[in-house]
Amino acid sequence: MDKIALEEHFVIADFLDHLANAMPRVTKDEYDRVVAMLSDFGEQRLSAMDGAGVKLAVLSMTGSGVQIERDTQLAIKRARQANDALPPRSLAGPIVTRALPILPCRTSGRRLPSFNVAYASSVSKAP
């Protein structure tokens, strides 16, 4: 049976500070292992998803990310940064990938800027 992996979490280097702050009681070894798994856009993640029958993966930035940024302008900048990082980091292989857009949440009642999230999908043919 084909499966859909919803909220397949990932992290990019620019957000490791937020991730570290969200895991204060985690040992360095555990943190390093989690970061390695969340940063993997290659063979290990693909192999695990393929083995589980995943045909569609919906990528989602792990918490804590942009949503905890208190500075509105920095939150907007970092949301764009994260969204722009998605296309070149899409999964390769026979799995179709989509991504949930990263949006700044703390905008002090101001209207959110529009985000042009170019990442729609990455489809590769199996070898």
PDB file of N, CA and C in Angstrom:
ATOM      1  N   MET A   1       0.839  -1.176   0.000  1.00  0.00           N
ATOM      2  CA  MET A   1       0.000   0.000   0.000  1.00  0.00           C
ATOM      3  C   MET A   1       0.892   1.250   0.000  1.00  0.00           C
ATOM      4  N   ASP A   2       0.620   2.161  -0.891  1.00  0.00           N
ATOM      5  CA  ASP A   2       1.356   3.424  -0.940  1.00  0.00           C
ATOM      6  C   ASP A   2       0.984   4.290   0.254  1.00  0.00           C
ATOM      7  N   LYS A   3       2.010   4.988   0.782  1.00  0.00           N
ATOM      8  CA  LYS A   3       1.782   5.816   1.967  1.00  0.00           C
ATOM      9  C   LYS A   3       2.213   7.249   1.717  1.00  0.00           C
ATOM     10  N   ILE A   4       1.624   8.153   2.498  1.00  0.00           N
ATOM     11  CA  ILE A   4       1.989   9.568   2.489  1.00  0.00           C
ATOM     12  C   ILE A   4       2.607   9.884   3.846  1.00  0.00           C
ATOM     13  N   ALA A   5       3.802  10.454   3.841  1.00  0.00           N
ATOM     14  CA  ALA A   5       4.451  10.869   5.090  1.00  0.00           C
ATOM     15  C   ALA A   5       4.148  12.346   5.303  1.00  0.00           C
ATOM     16  N   LEU A   6       3.243  12.638   6.250  1.00  0.00           N
ATOM     17  CA  LEU A   6       2.884  14.022   6.551  1.00  0.00           C
ATOM     18  C   LEU A   6       3.852  14.594   7.578  1.00  0.00           C
ATOM     19  N   GLU A   7       4.204  15.836   7.393  1.00  0.00           N
ATOM     20  CA  GLU A   7       5.125  16.535   8.280  1.00  0.00           C
ATOM     21  C   GLU A   7       6.417  15.750   8.472  1.00  0.00           C
ATOM     22  N   GLU A   8       7.047  15.404   7.385  1.00  0.00           N
ATOM     23  CA  GLU A   8       8.369  14.773   7.411  1.00  0.00           C
ATOM     24  C   GLU A   8       9.350  15.873   7.809  1.00  0.00           C
ATOM     25  N   HIS A   9       9.709  15.904   9.082  1.00  0.00           N
ATOM     26  CA  HIS A   9      10.479  17.020   9.623  1.00  0.00           C
ATOM     27  C   HIS A   9      11.902  17.075   9.090  1.00  0.00           C
ATOM     28  N   PHE A  10      12.379  18.307   8.954  1.00  0.00           N
ATOM     29  CA  PHE A  10      13.753  18.553   8.542  1.00  0.00           C
ATOM     30  C   PHE A  10      14.245  19.793   9.261  1.00  0.00           C
ATOM     31  N   VAL A  11      15.556  20.006   9.200  1.00  0.00           N
ATOM     32  CA  VAL A  11      16.151  21.226   9.735  1.00  0.00           C
ATOM     33  C   VAL A  11      17.291  21.629   8.802  1.00  0.00           C
ATOM     34  N   ILE A  12      17.501  22.923   8.699  1.00  0.00           N
ATOM     35  CA  ILE A  12      18.636  23.435   7.937  1.00  0.00           C
ATOM     36  C   ILE A  12      19.562  24.154   8.905  1.00  0.00           C
ATOM     37  N   ALA A  13      20.806  24.326   8.522  1.00  0.00           N
ATOM     38  CA  ALA A  13      21.836  24.879   9.410  1.00  0.00           C
ATOM     39  C   ALA A  13      21.430  26.208  10.041  1.00  0.00           C
ATOM     40  N   ASP A  14      20.736  27.045   9.295  1.00  0.00           N
ATOM     41  CA  ASP A  14      20.353  28.364   9.800  1.00  0.00           C
ATOM     42  C   ASP A  14      19.406  28.310  10.998  1.00  0.00           C
ATOM     43  N   PHE A  15      18.828  27.150  11.287  1.00  0.00           N
ATOM     44  CA  PHE A  15      17.856  27.033  12.373  1.00  0.00           C
ATOM     45  C   PHE A  15      18.326  26.112  13.495  1.00  0.00           C
ATOM     46  N   LEU A  16      19.584  25.728  13.483  1.00  0.00           N
ATOM     47  CA  LEU A  16      20.080  24.839  14.529  1.00  0.00           C
ATOM     48  C   LEU A  16      20.070  25.504  15.905  1.00  0.00           C
ATOM     49  N   ASP A  17      20.233  26.832  15.946  1.00  0.00           N
ATOM     50  CA  ASP A  17      20.181  27.528  17.234  1.00  0.00           C
ATOM     51  C   ASP A  17      18.806  27.380  17.877  1.00  0.00           C
ATOM     52  N   HIS A  18      17.742  27.518  17.081  1.00  0.00           N
ATOM     53  CA  HIS A  18      16.390  27.354  17.613  1.00  0.00           C
ATOM     54  C   HIS A  18      16.156  25.913  18.063  1.00  0.00           C
ATOM     55  N   LEU A  19      16.652  24.961  17.279  1.00  0.00           N
ATOM     56  CA  LEU A  19      16.480  23.552  17.630  1.00  0.00           C
ATOM     57  C   LEU A  19      17.189  23.246  18.944  1.00  0.00           C
ATOM     58  N   ALA A  20      18.399  23.738  19.115  1.00  0.00           N
ATOM     59  CA  ALA A  20      19.154  23.504  20.352  1.00  0.00           C
ATOM     60  C   ALA A  20      18.423  24.083  21.557  1.00  0.00           C
ATOM     61  N   ASN A  21      17.854  25.270  21.399  1.00  0.00           N
ATOM     62  CA  ASN A  21      17.102  25.894  22.501  1.00  0.00           C
ATOM     63  C   ASN A  21      15.835  25.115  22.851  1.00  0.00           C
ATOM     64  N   ALA A  22      15.290  24.403  21.901  1.00  0.00           N
ATOM     65  CA  ALA A  22      14.062  23.637  22.134  1.00  0.00           C
ATOM     66  C   ALA A  22      14.340  22.286  22.796  1.00  0.00           C
ATOM     67  N   MET A  23      15.624  21.929  22.905  1.00  0.00           N
ATOM     68  CA  MET A  23      15.996  20.619  23.452  1.00  0.00           C
ATOM     69  C   MET A  23      17.007  20.778  24.593  1.00  0.00           C
ATOM     70  N   PRO A  24      16.668  21.515  25.647  1.00  0.00           N
ATOM     71  CA  PRO A  24      17.655  21.830  26.682  1.00  0.00           C
ATOM     72  C   PRO A  24      18.134  20.632  27.500  1.00  0.00           C
ATOM     73  N   ARG A  25      17.347  19.573  27.579  1.00  0.00           N
ATOM     74  CA  ARG A  25      17.723  18.430  28.422  1.00  0.00           C
ATOM     75  C   ARG A  25      18.292  17.265  27.619  1.00  0.00           C
ATOM     76  N   VAL A  26      18.552  17.474  26.369  1.00  0.00           N
ATOM     77  CA  VAL A  26      19.060  16.416  25.507  1.00  0.00           C
ATOM     78  C   VAL A  26      20.585  16.425  25.551  1.00  0.00           C
ATOM     79  N   THR A  27      21.175  15.242  25.644  1.00  0.00           N
ATOM     80  CA  THR A  27      22.641  15.160  25.678  1.00  0.00           C
ATOM     81  C   THR A  27      23.208  15.554  24.320  1.00  0.00           C
ATOM     82  N   LYS A  28      24.484  15.872  24.297  1.00  0.00           N
ATOM     83  CA  LYS A  28      25.142  16.253  23.042  1.00  0.00           C
ATOM     84  C   LYS A  28      25.070  15.112  22.024  1.00  0.00           C
ATOM     85  N   ASP A  29      25.281  13.878  22.472  1.00  0.00           N
ATOM     86  CA  ASP A  29      25.197  12.731  21.558  1.00  0.00           C
ATOM     87  C   ASP A  29      23.803  12.583  20.961  1.00  0.00           C
ATOM     88  N   GLU A  30      22.773  12.728  21.798  1.00  0.00           N
ATOM     89  CA  GLU A  30      21.402  12.637  21.304  1.00  0.00           C
ATOM     90  C   GLU A  30      21.097  13.777  20.336  1.00  0.00           C
ATOM     91  N   TYR A  31      21.528  14.984  20.697  1.00  0.00           N
ATOM     92  CA  TYR A  31      21.317  16.150  19.836  1.00  0.00           C
ATOM     93  C   TYR A  31      21.980  15.934  18.473  1.00  0.00           C
ATOM     94  N   ASP A  32      23.225  15.482  18.483  1.00  0.00           N
ATOM     95  CA  ASP A  32      23.946  15.243  17.226  1.00  0.00           C
ATOM     96  C   ASP A  32      23.241  14.199  16.367  1.00  0.00           C
ATOM     97  N   ARG A  33      22.696  13.162  17.005  1.00  0.00           N
ATOM     98  CA  ARG A  33      21.979  12.114  16.266  1.00  0.00           C
ATOM     99  C   ARG A  33      20.695  12.666  15.643  1.00  0.00           C
ATOM    100  N   VAL A  34      19.958  13.467  16.413  1.00  0.00           N
ATOM    101  CA  VAL A  34      18.716  14.070  15.909  1.00  0.00           C
ATOM    102  C   VAL A  34      19.020  15.023  14.755  1.00  0.00           C
ATOM    103  N   VAL A  35      20.032  15.863  14.908  1.00  0.00           N
ATOM    104  CA  VAL A  35      20.402  16.803  13.844  1.00  0.00           C
ATOM    105  C   VAL A  35      20.807  16.047  12.577  1.00  0.00           C
ATOM    106  N   ALA A  36      21.551  14.978  12.728  1.00  0.00           N
ATOM    107  CA  ALA A  36      21.958  14.183  11.556  1.00  0.00           C
ATOM    108  C   ALA A  36      20.739  13.634  10.823  1.00  0.00           C
ATOM    109  N   MET A  37      19.758  13.128  11.576  1.00  0.00           N
ATOM    110  CA  MET A  37      18.547  12.576  10.940  1.00  0.00           C
ATOM    111  C   MET A  37      17.726  13.674  10.267  1.00  0.00           C
ATOM    112  N   LEU A  38      17.541  14.810  10.966  1.00  0.00           N
ATOM    113  CA  LEU A  38      16.718  15.886  10.415  1.00  0.00           C
ATOM    114  C   LEU A  38      17.383  16.595   9.244  1.00  0.00           C
ATOM    115  N   SER A  39      18.703  16.552   9.184  1.00  0.00           N
ATOM    116  CA  SER A  39      19.450  17.221   8.108  1.00  0.00           C
ATOM    117  C   SER A  39      19.611  16.340   6.875  1.00  0.00           C
ATOM    118  N   ASP A  40      19.292  15.073   7.004  1.00  0.00           N
ATOM    119  CA  ASP A  40      19.499  14.125   5.910  1.00  0.00           C
ATOM    120  C   ASP A  40      18.411  14.272   4.844  1.00  0.00           C
ATOM    121  N   PHE A  41      18.844  14.639   3.661  1.00  0.00           N
ATOM    122  CA  PHE A  41      17.940  14.704   2.511  1.00  0.00           C
ATOM    123  C   PHE A  41      18.367  13.663   1.479  1.00  0.00           C
ATOM    124  N   GLY A  42      19.087  12.665   1.927  1.00  0.00           N
ATOM    125  CA  GLY A  42      19.677  11.712   1.000  1.00  0.00           C
ATOM    126  C   GLY A  42      19.311  10.275   1.281  1.00  0.00           C
ATOM    127  N   GLU A  43      20.312   9.433   1.131  1.00  0.00           N
ATOM    128  CA  GLU A  43      20.130   7.995   1.080  1.00  0.00           C
ATOM    129  C   GLU A  43      19.469   7.383   2.315  1.00  0.00           C
ATOM    130  N   GLN A  44      19.864   7.787   3.523  1.00  0.00           N
ATOM    131  CA  GLN A  44      19.278   7.162   4.710  1.00  0.00           C
ATOM    132  C   GLN A  44      17.790   7.444   4.826  1.00  0.00           C
ATOM    133  N   ARG A  45      17.414   8.698   4.643  1.00  0.00           N
ATOM    134  CA  ARG A  45      15.988   9.052   4.746  1.00  0.00           C
ATOM    135  C   ARG A  45      15.197   8.384   3.627  1.00  0.00           C
ATOM    136  N   LEU A  46      15.746   8.435   2.419  1.00  0.00           N
ATOM    137  CA  LEU A  46      15.059   7.818   1.280  1.00  0.00           C
ATOM    138  C   LEU A  46      14.885   6.321   1.474  1.00  0.00           C
ATOM    139  N   SER A  47      15.921   5.677   1.962  1.00  0.00           N
ATOM    140  CA  SER A  47      15.866   4.233   2.182  1.00  0.00           C
ATOM    141  C   SER A  47      14.805   3.881   3.216  1.00  0.00           C
ATOM    142  N   ALA A  48      14.759   4.637   4.305  1.00  0.00           N
ATOM    143  CA  ALA A  48      13.754   4.376   5.347  1.00  0.00           C
ATOM    144  C   ALA A  48      12.336   4.594   4.817  1.00  0.00           C
ATOM    145  N   MET A  49      12.142   5.676   4.056  1.00  0.00           N
ATOM    146  CA  MET A  49      10.801   5.961   3.526  1.00  0.00           C
ATOM    147  C   MET A  49      10.413   4.942   2.462  1.00  0.00           C
ATOM    148  N   ASP A  50      11.343   4.583   1.613  1.00  0.00           N
ATOM    149  CA  ASP A  50      11.062   3.598   0.576  1.00  0.00           C
ATOM    150  C   ASP A  50      10.700   2.255   1.209  1.00  0.00           C
ATOM    151  N   GLY A  51      11.458   1.882   2.246  1.00  0.00           N
ATOM    152  CA  GLY A  51      11.186   0.631   2.947  1.00  0.00           C
ATOM    153  C   GLY A  51       9.822   0.619   3.621  1.00  0.00           C
ATOM    154  N   ALA A  52       9.334   1.781   3.986  1.00  0.00           N
ATOM    155  CA  ALA A  52       8.015   1.891   4.628  1.00  0.00           C
ATOM    156  C   ALA A  52       6.888   2.057   3.610  1.00  0.00           C
ATOM    157  N   GLY A  53       7.229   2.120   2.314  1.00  0.00           N
ATOM    158  CA  GLY A  53       6.201   2.247   1.281  1.00  0.00           C
ATOM    159  C   GLY A  53       5.739   3.672   1.032  1.00  0.00           C
ATOM    160  N   VAL A  54       6.533   4.662   1.455  1.00  0.00           N
ATOM    161  CA  VAL A  54       6.160   6.068   1.262  1.00  0.00           C
ATOM    162  C   VAL A  54       6.352   6.449  -0.204  1.00  0.00           C
ATOM    163  N   LYS A  55       5.317   7.034  -0.787  1.00  0.00           N
ATOM    164  CA  LYS A  55       5.380   7.499  -2.176  1.00  0.00           C
ATOM    165  C   LYS A  55       5.295   9.018  -2.267  1.00  0.00           C
ATOM    166  N   LEU A  56       4.767   9.655  -1.216  1.00  0.00           N
ATOM    167  CA  LEU A  56       4.654  11.116  -1.166  1.00  0.00           C
ATOM    168  C   LEU A  56       5.099  11.572   0.215  1.00  0.00           C
ATOM    169  N   ALA A  57       6.032  12.520   0.261  1.00  0.00           N
ATOM    170  CA  ALA A  57       6.502  13.071   1.535  1.00  0.00           C
ATOM    171  C   ALA A  57       6.194  14.559   1.570  1.00  0.00           C
ATOM    172  N   VAL A  58       5.559  14.999   2.654  1.00  0.00           N
ATOM    173  CA  VAL A  58       5.267  16.420   2.855  1.00  0.00           C
ATOM    174  C   VAL A  58       6.259  16.923   3.901  1.00  0.00           C
ATOM    175  N   LEU A  59       7.243  17.703   3.437  1.00  0.00           N
ATOM    176  CA  LEU A  59       8.293  18.201   4.313  1.00  0.00           C
ATOM    177  C   LEU A  59       7.792  19.344   5.186  1.00  0.00           C
ATOM    178  N   SER A  60       8.298  19.407   6.416  1.00  0.00           N
ATOM    179  CA  SER A  60       7.893  20.428   7.358  1.00  0.00           C
ATOM    180  C   SER A  60       9.082  20.759   8.254  1.00  0.00           C
ATOM    181  N   MET A  61       9.367  22.047   8.417  1.00  0.00           N
ATOM    182  CA  MET A  61      10.461  22.466   9.295  1.00  0.00           C
ATOM    183  C   MET A  61      10.145  22.036  10.713  1.00  0.00           C
ATOM    184  N   THR A  62      11.131  21.440  11.370  1.00  0.00           N
ATOM    185  CA  THR A  62      10.926  21.028  12.751  1.00  0.00           C
ATOM    186  C   THR A  62      10.822  22.245  13.665  1.00  0.00           C
ATOM    187  N   GLY A  63      10.169  22.083  14.791  1.00  0.00           N
ATOM    188  CA  GLY A  63      10.115  23.173  15.761  1.00  0.00           C
ATOM    189  C   GLY A  63      11.390  23.155  16.588  1.00  0.00           C
ATOM    190  N   SER A  64      11.768  24.106  17.159  1.00  0.00           N
ATOM    191  CA  SER A  64      11.233  25.444  17.109  1.00  0.00           C
ATOM    192  C   SER A  64      11.937  26.207  15.992  1.00  0.00           C
ATOM    193  N   GLY A  65      11.167  26.841  15.197  1.00  0.00           N
ATOM    194  CA  GLY A  65      11.709  27.549  14.051  1.00  0.00           C
ATOM    195  C   GLY A  65      11.290  28.991  14.073  1.00  0.00           C
ATOM    196  N   VAL A  66      10.761  29.438  12.976  1.00  0.00           N
ATOM    197  CA  VAL A  66      10.373  30.833  12.819  1.00  0.00           C
ATOM    198  C   VAL A  66       9.286  31.233  13.808  1.00  0.00           C
ATOM    199  N   GLN A  67       8.447  30.284  14.202  1.00  0.00           N
ATOM    200  CA  GLN A  67       7.306  30.631  15.044  1.00  0.00           C
ATOM    201  C   GLN A  67       7.697  31.183  16.420  1.00  0.00           C
ATOM    202  N   ILE A  68       8.914  30.948  16.890  1.00  0.00           N
ATOM    203  CA  ILE A  68       9.293  31.488  18.203  1.00  0.00           C
ATOM    204  C   ILE A  68      10.091  32.784  18.107  1.00  0.00           C
ATOM    205  N   GLU A  69      10.382  33.213  16.887  1.00  0.00           N
ATOM    206  CA  GLU A  69      11.154  34.450  16.705  1.00  0.00           C
ATOM    207  C   GLU A  69      10.299  35.643  17.101  1.00  0.00           C
ATOM    208  N   ARG A  70      10.768  36.427  18.066  1.00  0.00           N
ATOM    209  CA  ARG A  70       9.993  37.560  18.584  1.00  0.00           C
ATOM    210  C   ARG A  70      10.114  38.813  17.720  1.00  0.00           C
ATOM    211  N   ASP A  71      11.206  38.959  17.030  1.00  0.00           N
ATOM    212  CA  ASP A  71      11.425  40.124  16.170  1.00  0.00           C
ATOM    213  C   ASP A  71      10.716  39.883  14.834  1.00  0.00           C
ATOM    214  N   THR A  72       9.696  40.675  14.549  1.00  0.00           N
ATOM    215  CA  THR A  72       8.863  40.466  13.362  1.00  0.00           C
ATOM    216  C   THR A  72       9.680  40.484  12.072  1.00  0.00           C
ATOM    217  N   GLN A  73      10.521  41.489  11.911  1.00  0.00           N
ATOM    218  CA  GLN A  73      11.300  41.584  10.668  1.00  0.00           C
ATOM    219  C   GLN A  73      12.260  40.405  10.520  1.00  0.00           C
ATOM    220  N   LEU A  74      12.864  39.984  11.627  1.00  0.00           N
ATOM    221  CA  LEU A  74      13.760  38.825  11.578  1.00  0.00           C
ATOM    222  C   LEU A  74      12.968  37.553  11.286  1.00  0.00           C
ATOM    223  N   ALA A  75      11.769  37.433  11.846  1.00  0.00           N
ATOM    224  CA  ALA A  75      10.927  36.260  11.575  1.00  0.00           C
ATOM    225  C   ALA A  75      10.575  36.181  10.097  1.00  0.00           C
ATOM    226  N   ILE A  76      10.233  37.307   9.501  1.00  0.00           N
ATOM    227  CA  ILE A  76       9.906  37.345   8.068  1.00  0.00           C
ATOM    228  C   ILE A  76      11.135  36.964   7.248  1.00  0.00           C
ATOM    229  N   LYS A  77      12.282  37.540   7.608  1.00  0.00           N
ATOM    230  CA  LYS A  77      13.533  37.238   6.888  1.00  0.00           C
ATOM    231  C   LYS A  77      13.873  35.749   6.992  1.00  0.00           C
ATOM    232  N   ARG A  78      13.752  35.191   8.191  1.00  0.00           N
ATOM    233  CA  ARG A  78      14.112  33.784   8.386  1.00  0.00           C
ATOM    234  C   ARG A  78      13.103  32.846   7.723  1.00  0.00           C
ATOM    235  N   ALA A  79      11.836  33.248   7.649  1.00  0.00           N
ATOM    236  CA  ALA A  79      10.841  32.433   6.953  1.00  0.00           C
ATOM    237  C   ALA A  79      11.188  32.359   5.465  1.00  0.00           C
ATOM    238  N   ARG A  80      11.542  33.509   4.896  1.00  0.00           N
ATOM    239  CA  ARG A  80      11.957  33.511   3.481  1.00  0.00           C
ATOM    240  C   ARG A  80      13.188  32.638   3.287  1.00  0.00           C
ATOM    241  N   GLN A  81      14.133  32.764   4.200  1.00  0.00           N
ATOM    242  CA  GLN A  81      15.370  31.992   4.140  1.00  0.00           C
ATOM    243  C   GLN A  81      15.060  30.485   4.147  1.00  0.00           C
ATOM    244  N   ALA A  82      14.193  30.071   5.033  1.00  0.00           N
ATOM    245  CA  ALA A  82      13.845  28.656   5.133  1.00  0.00           C
ATOM    246  C   ALA A  82      13.103  28.175   3.888  1.00  0.00           C
ATOM    247  N   ASN A  83      12.154  28.962   3.412  1.00  0.00           N
ATOM    248  CA  ASN A  83      11.409  28.578   2.209  1.00  0.00           C
ATOM    249  C   ASN A  83      12.327  28.517   0.991  1.00  0.00           C
ATOM    250  N   ASP A  84      13.256  29.467   0.900  1.00  0.00           N
ATOM    251  CA  ASP A  84      14.191  29.465  -0.230  1.00  0.00           C
ATOM    252  C   ASP A  84      15.144  28.283  -0.183  1.00  0.00           C
ATOM    253  N   ALA A  85      15.371  27.734   0.989  1.00  0.00           N
ATOM    254  CA  ALA A  85      16.289  26.601   1.132  1.00  0.00           C
ATOM    255  C   ALA A  85      15.661  25.288   0.688  1.00  0.00           C
ATOM    256  N   LEU A  86      14.355  25.242   0.548  1.00  0.00           N
ATOM    257  CA  LEU A  86      13.699  23.978   0.220  1.00  0.00           C
ATOM    258  C   LEU A  86      13.980  23.440  -1.180  1.00  0.00           C
ATOM    259  N   PRO A  87      13.874  24.225  -2.239  1.00  0.00           N
ATOM    260  CA  PRO A  87      14.027  23.617  -3.566  1.00  0.00           C
ATOM    261  C   PRO A  87      15.317  22.836  -3.789  1.00  0.00           C
ATOM    262  N   PRO A  88      16.495  23.388  -3.474  1.00  0.00           N
ATOM    263  CA  PRO A  88      17.698  22.605  -3.744  1.00  0.00           C
ATOM    264  C   PRO A  88      17.888  21.438  -2.789  1.00  0.00           C
ATOM    265  N   ARG A  89      17.138  21.413  -1.711  1.00  0.00           N
ATOM    266  CA  ARG A  89      17.289  20.359  -0.721  1.00  0.00           C
ATOM    267  C   ARG A  89      16.198  19.298  -0.840  1.00  0.00           C
ATOM    268  N   SER A  90      15.445  19.322  -1.906  1.00  0.00           N
ATOM    269  CA  SER A  90      14.367  18.352  -2.037  1.00  0.00           C
ATOM    270  C   SER A  90      14.946  16.946  -2.120  1.00  0.00           C
ATOM    271  N   LEU A  91      14.134  16.002  -1.720  1.00  0.00           N
ATOM    272  CA  LEU A  91      14.571  14.616  -1.749  1.00  0.00           C
ATOM    273  C   LEU A  91      14.707  14.133  -3.180  1.00  0.00           C
ATOM    274  N   ALA A  92      15.688  13.315  -3.409  1.00  0.00           N
ATOM    275  CA  ALA A  92      15.878  12.723  -4.734  1.00  0.00           C
ATOM    276  C   ALA A  92      15.340  11.303  -4.701  1.00  0.00           C
ATOM    277  N   GLY A  93      15.091  10.747  -5.851  1.00  0.00           N
ATOM    278  CA  GLY A  93      14.637   9.366  -5.897  1.00  0.00           C
ATOM    279  C   GLY A  93      13.203   9.251  -6.354  1.00  0.00           C
ATOM    280  N   PRO A  94      12.621   8.082  -6.115  1.00  0.00           N
ATOM    281  CA  PRO A  94      11.281   7.810  -6.633  1.00  0.00           C
ATOM    282  C   PRO A  94      10.149   8.355  -5.773  1.00  0.00           C
ATOM    283  N   ILE A  95      10.456   9.229  -4.841  1.00  0.00           N
ATOM    284  CA  ILE A  95       9.446   9.758  -3.929  1.00  0.00           C
ATOM    285  C   ILE A  95       9.081  11.179  -4.331  1.00  0.00           C
ATOM    286  N   VAL A  96       7.793  11.447  -4.432  1.00  0.00           N
ATOM    287  CA  VAL A  96       7.309  12.794  -4.731  1.00  0.00           C
ATOM    288  C   VAL A  96       7.359  13.578  -3.420  1.00  0.00           C
ATOM    289  N   THR A  97       7.889  14.797  -3.471  1.00  0.00           N
ATOM    290  CA  THR A  97       7.947  15.595  -2.252  1.00  0.00           C
ATOM    291  C   THR A  97       7.203  16.907  -2.428  1.00  0.00           C
ATOM    292  N   ARG A  98       6.590  17.341  -1.347  1.00  0.00           N
ATOM    293  CA  ARG A  98       5.926  18.633  -1.243  1.00  0.00           C
ATOM    294  C   ARG A  98       6.439  19.256   0.048  1.00  0.00           C
ATOM    295  N   ALA A  99       6.126  20.506   0.289  1.00  0.00           N
ATOM    296  CA  ALA A  99       6.567  21.140   1.530  1.00  0.00           C
ATOM    297  C   ALA A  99       5.495  22.078   2.054  1.00  0.00           C
ATOM    298  N   LEU A 100       5.364  22.104   3.365  1.00  0.00           N
ATOM    299  CA  LEU A 100       4.506  23.087   4.007  1.00  0.00           C
ATOM    300  C   LEU A 100       5.309  24.383   4.080  1.00  0.00           C
ATOM    301  N   PRO A 101       4.728  25.518   3.700  1.00  0.00           N
ATOM    302  CA  PRO A 101       5.480  26.773   3.761  1.00  0.00           C
ATOM    303  C   PRO A 101       5.756  27.155   5.211  1.00  0.00           C
ATOM    304  N   ILE A 102       6.887  27.777   5.423  1.00  0.00           N
ATOM    305  CA  ILE A 102       7.250  28.259   6.751  1.00  0.00           C
ATOM    306  C   ILE A 102       6.798  29.709   6.834  1.00  0.00           C
ATOM    307  N   LEU A 103       5.932  30.013   7.802  1.00  0.00           N
ATOM    308  CA  LEU A 103       5.366  31.353   7.928  1.00  0.00           C
ATOM    309  C   LEU A 103       5.710  31.956   9.287  1.00  0.00           C
ATOM    310  N   PRO A 104       6.009  33.249   9.317  1.00  0.00           N
ATOM    311  CA  PRO A 104       6.241  33.902  10.604  1.00  0.00           C
ATOM    312  C   PRO A 104       4.917  34.067  11.330  1.00  0.00           C
ATOM    313  N   CYS A 105       4.863  33.678  12.589  1.00  0.00           N
ATOM    314  CA  CYS A 105       3.605  33.729  13.340  1.00  0.00           C
ATOM    315  C   CYS A 105       3.457  34.983  14.182  1.00  0.00           C
ATOM    316  N   ARG A 106       4.532  35.513  14.663  1.00  0.00           N
ATOM    317  CA  ARG A 106       4.487  36.671  15.566  1.00  0.00           C
ATOM    318  C   ARG A 106       4.665  37.945  14.761  1.00  0.00           C
ATOM    319  N   THR A 107       3.586  38.432  14.221  1.00  0.00           N
ATOM    320  CA  THR A 107       3.679  39.637  13.394  1.00  0.00           C
ATOM    321  C   THR A 107       2.966  40.824  14.032  1.00  0.00           C
ATOM    322  N   SER A 108       2.718  40.760  15.324  1.00  0.00           N
ATOM    323  CA  SER A 108       2.137  41.878  16.081  1.00  0.00           C
ATOM    324  C   SER A 108       0.887  42.449  15.423  1.00  0.00           C
ATOM    325  N   GLY A 109       0.021  41.590  14.921  1.00  0.00           N
ATOM    326  CA  GLY A 109      -1.220  42.041  14.311  1.00  0.00           C
ATOM    327  C   GLY A 109      -1.046  42.637  12.930  1.00  0.00           C
ATOM    328  N   ARG A 110       0.189  42.673  12.431  1.00  0.00           N
ATOM    329  CA  ARG A 110       0.423  43.223  11.101  1.00  0.00           C
ATOM    330  C   ARG A 110       0.102  42.181  10.049  1.00  0.00           C
ATOM    331  N   ARG A 111      -0.215  42.659   8.890  1.00  0.00           N
ATOM    332  CA  ARG A 111      -0.505  41.759   7.777  1.00  0.00           C
ATOM    333  C   ARG A 111       0.775  41.049   7.350  1.00  0.00           C
ATOM    334  N   LEU A 112       0.667  39.756   7.131  1.00  0.00           N
ATOM    335  CA  LEU A 112       1.825  38.986   6.679  1.00  0.00           C
ATOM    336  C   LEU A 112       2.200  39.385   5.259  1.00  0.00           C
ATOM    337  N   PRO A 113       3.491  39.447   4.977  1.00  0.00           N
ATOM    338  CA  PRO A 113       3.895  39.689   3.587  1.00  0.00           C
ATOM    339  C   PRO A 113       3.574  38.450   2.759  1.00  0.00           C
ATOM    340  N   SER A 114       3.440  38.618   1.480  1.00  0.00           N
ATOM    341  CA  SER A 114       3.190  37.442   0.654  1.00  0.00           C
ATOM    342  C   SER A 114       4.505  36.716   0.450  1.00  0.00           C
ATOM    343  N   PHE A 115       4.433  35.417   0.454  1.00  0.00           N
ATOM    344  CA  PHE A 115       5.611  34.589   0.248  1.00  0.00           C
ATOM    345  C   PHE A 115       5.450  33.862  -1.071  1.00  0.00           C
ATOM    346  N   ASN A 116       6.448  33.942  -1.868  1.00  0.00           N
ATOM    347  CA  ASN A 116       6.453  33.210  -3.118  1.00  0.00           C
ATOM    348  C   ASN A 116       7.203  31.914  -2.879  1.00  0.00           C
ATOM    349  N   VAL A 117       6.471  30.895  -2.473  1.00  0.00           N
ATOM    350  CA  VAL A 117       7.089  29.610  -2.190  1.00  0.00           C
ATOM    351  C   VAL A 117       7.115  28.825  -3.490  1.00  0.00           C
ATOM    352  N   ALA A 118       8.270  28.833  -4.104  1.00  0.00           N
ATOM    353  CA  ALA A 118       8.413  28.213  -5.413  1.00  0.00           C
ATOM    354  C   ALA A 118       8.433  26.694  -5.335  1.00  0.00           C
ATOM    355  N   TYR A 119       8.677  26.161  -4.165  1.00  0.00           N
ATOM    356  CA  TYR A 119       8.797  24.725  -4.013  1.00  0.00           C
ATOM    357  C   TYR A 119       7.433  24.066  -4.127  1.00  0.00           C
ATOM    358  N   ALA A 120       7.228  23.309  -5.151  1.00  0.00           N
ATOM    359  CA  ALA A 120       5.969  22.601  -5.309  1.00  0.00           C
ATOM    360  C   ALA A 120       6.200  21.099  -5.211  1.00  0.00           C
ATOM    361  N   SER A 121       7.106  20.590  -5.990  1.00  0.00           N
ATOM    362  CA  SER A 121       7.365  19.166  -5.915  1.00  0.00           C
ATOM    363  C   SER A 121       8.680  18.818  -6.589  1.00  0.00           C
ATOM    364  N   SER A 122       9.148  17.673  -6.243  1.00  0.00           N
ATOM    365  CA  SER A 122      10.345  17.123  -6.864  1.00  0.00           C
ATOM    366  C   SER A 122      10.015  15.687  -7.197  1.00  0.00           C
ATOM    367  N   VAL A 123      10.006  15.376  -8.439  1.00  0.00           N
ATOM    368  CA  VAL A 123       9.679  14.024  -8.855  1.00  0.00           C
ATOM    369  C   VAL A 123      10.874  13.458  -9.612  1.00  0.00           C
ATOM    370  N   SER A 124      11.363  12.345  -9.157  1.00  0.00           N
ATOM    371  CA  SER A 124      12.479  11.690  -9.834  1.00  0.00           C
ATOM    372  C   SER A 124      12.055  10.298 -10.232  1.00  0.00           C
ATOM    373  N   LYS A 125      12.600   9.845 -11.302  1.00  0.00           N
ATOM    374  CA  LYS A 125      12.323   8.497 -11.762  1.00  0.00           C
ATOM    375  C   LYS A 125      13.243   7.518 -11.009  1.00  0.00           C
ATOM    376  N   ALA A 126      12.711   6.398 -10.644  1.00  0.00           N
ATOM    377  CA  ALA A 126      13.536   5.383 -10.002  1.00  0.00           C
ATOM    378  C   ALA A 126      14.558   4.876 -11.019  1.00  0.00           C
ATOM    379  N   PRO A 127      15.782   4.563 -10.558  1.00  0.00           N
ATOM    380  CA  PRO A 127      16.818   4.077 -11.487  1.00  0.00           C
ATOM    381  C   PRO A 127      16.458   2.759 -12.124  1.00  0.00           C
TER     382      PRO A 127
END
